[in-house]
Amino acid sequence: MIGLSVAVGRFVEALFWAIMQAAGVVSLAVGAVAAAAILTAVVARKLWVSQRRRR
C-alpha cells in the first residue's frame, strides 16, 4: 500500500513538472512573438516617418 502511494506521488510530481515545463515554453513563445511584433512596429514607424520627411 505504501508503494502505491509513493508511485502515485511520483506520478503527480512528474505531471506537475511536465505542465510547468509546457507553460514555460508557451510563455517563452508568446514573449518572443510579442517582442518581434514590437520590434516590427518600431521599425515600420521609423521607416514611415523617414518616408514622410523625404516628400
C-alpha atoms as a PDB file:
ATOM      1  CA  MET A   1       0.000   0.000   0.000  1.00  0.00           C
ATOM      2  CA  ILE A   2       2.852   2.390   0.750  1.00  0.00           C
ATOM      3  CA  GLY A   3       4.478   1.535  -2.581  1.00  0.00           C
ATOM      4  CA  LEU A   4       1.309   2.512  -4.427  1.00  0.00           C
ATOM      5  CA  SER A   5       1.155   5.801  -2.547  1.00  0.00           C
ATOM      6  CA  VAL A   6       4.758   6.579  -3.487  1.00  0.00           C
ATOM      7  CA  ALA A   7       4.075   5.694  -7.132  1.00  0.00           C
ATOM      8  CA  VAL A   8       1.029   7.962  -7.230  1.00  0.00           C
ATOM      9  CA  GLY A   9       3.006  10.759  -5.594  1.00  0.00           C
ATOM     10  CA  ARG A  10       5.824  10.439  -8.117  1.00  0.00           C
ATOM     11  CA  PHE A  11       3.317  10.399 -10.971  1.00  0.00           C
ATOM     12  CA  VAL A  12       1.633  13.570  -9.719  1.00  0.00           C
ATOM     13  CA  GLU A  13       5.010  15.254  -9.268  1.00  0.00           C
ATOM     14  CA  ALA A  14       6.106  14.293 -12.794  1.00  0.00           C
ATOM     15  CA  LEU A  15       2.799  15.533 -14.191  1.00  0.00           C
ATOM     16  CA  PHE A  16       3.191  18.832 -12.326  1.00  0.00           C
ATOM     17  CA  TRP A  17       6.705  19.389 -13.694  1.00  0.00           C
ATOM     18  CA  ALA A  18       5.616  18.480 -17.227  1.00  0.00           C
ATOM     19  CA  ILE A  19       2.787  21.029 -17.040  1.00  0.00           C
ATOM     20  CA  MET A  20       5.172  23.678 -15.684  1.00  0.00           C
ATOM     21  CA  GLN A  21       7.664  22.966 -18.474  1.00  0.00           C
ATOM     22  CA  ALA A  22       4.958  23.263 -21.124  1.00  0.00           C
ATOM     23  CA  ALA A  23       3.734  26.506 -19.579  1.00  0.00           C
ATOM     24  CA  GLY A  24       7.283  27.843 -19.628  1.00  0.00           C
ATOM     25  CA  VAL A  25       7.715  27.001 -23.302  1.00  0.00           C
ATOM     26  CA  VAL A  26       4.376  28.600 -24.171  1.00  0.00           C
ATOM     27  CA  SER A  27       5.163  31.769 -22.206  1.00  0.00           C
ATOM     28  CA  LEU A  28       8.582  31.991 -23.864  1.00  0.00           C
ATOM     29  CA  ALA A  29       6.981  31.654 -27.300  1.00  0.00           C
ATOM     30  CA  VAL A  30       4.363  34.311 -26.508  1.00  0.00           C
ATOM     31  CA  GLY A  31       7.087  36.637 -25.242  1.00  0.00           C
ATOM     32  CA  ALA A  32       9.159  36.120 -28.379  1.00  0.00           C
ATOM     33  CA  VAL A  33       6.166  36.839 -30.628  1.00  0.00           C
ATOM     34  CA  ALA A  34       5.349  39.980 -28.644  1.00  0.00           C
ATOM     35  CA  ALA A  35       8.947  41.198 -28.837  1.00  0.00           C
ATOM     36  CA  ALA A  36       9.032  40.567 -32.589  1.00  0.00           C
ATOM     37  CA  ALA A  37       5.750  42.453 -33.051  1.00  0.00           C
ATOM     38  CA  ILE A  38       7.016  45.429 -31.057  1.00  0.00           C
ATOM     39  CA  LEU A  39      10.296  45.467 -32.969  1.00  0.00           C
ATOM     40  CA  THR A  40       8.448  45.283 -36.283  1.00  0.00           C
ATOM     41  CA  ALA A  41       6.141  48.145 -35.269  1.00  0.00           C
ATOM     42  CA  VAL A  42       9.068  50.333 -34.213  1.00  0.00           C
ATOM     43  CA  VAL A  43      10.989  49.692 -37.433  1.00  0.00           C
ATOM     44  CA  ALA A  44       7.881  50.242 -39.585  1.00  0.00           C
ATOM     45  CA  ARG A  45       7.137  53.514 -37.803  1.00  0.00           C
ATOM     46  CA  LYS A  46      10.688  54.760 -38.277  1.00  0.00           C
ATOM     47  CA  LEU A  47      10.568  53.871 -41.967  1.00  0.00           C
ATOM     48  CA  TRP A  48       7.175  55.554 -42.345  1.00  0.00           C
ATOM     49  CA  VAL A  49       8.393  58.744 -40.663  1.00  0.00           C
ATOM     50  CA  SER A  50      11.526  58.840 -42.813  1.00  0.00           C
ATOM     51  CA  GLN A  51       9.406  58.400 -45.965  1.00  0.00           C
ATOM     52  CA  ARG A  52       7.186  61.327 -44.958  1.00  0.00           C
ATOM     53  CA  ARG A  53      10.234  63.566 -44.408  1.00  0.00           C
ATOM     54  CA  ARG A  54      11.577  62.864 -47.914  1.00  0.00           C
ATOM     55  CA  ARG A  55       8.429  64.165 -49.590  1.00  0.00           C
END
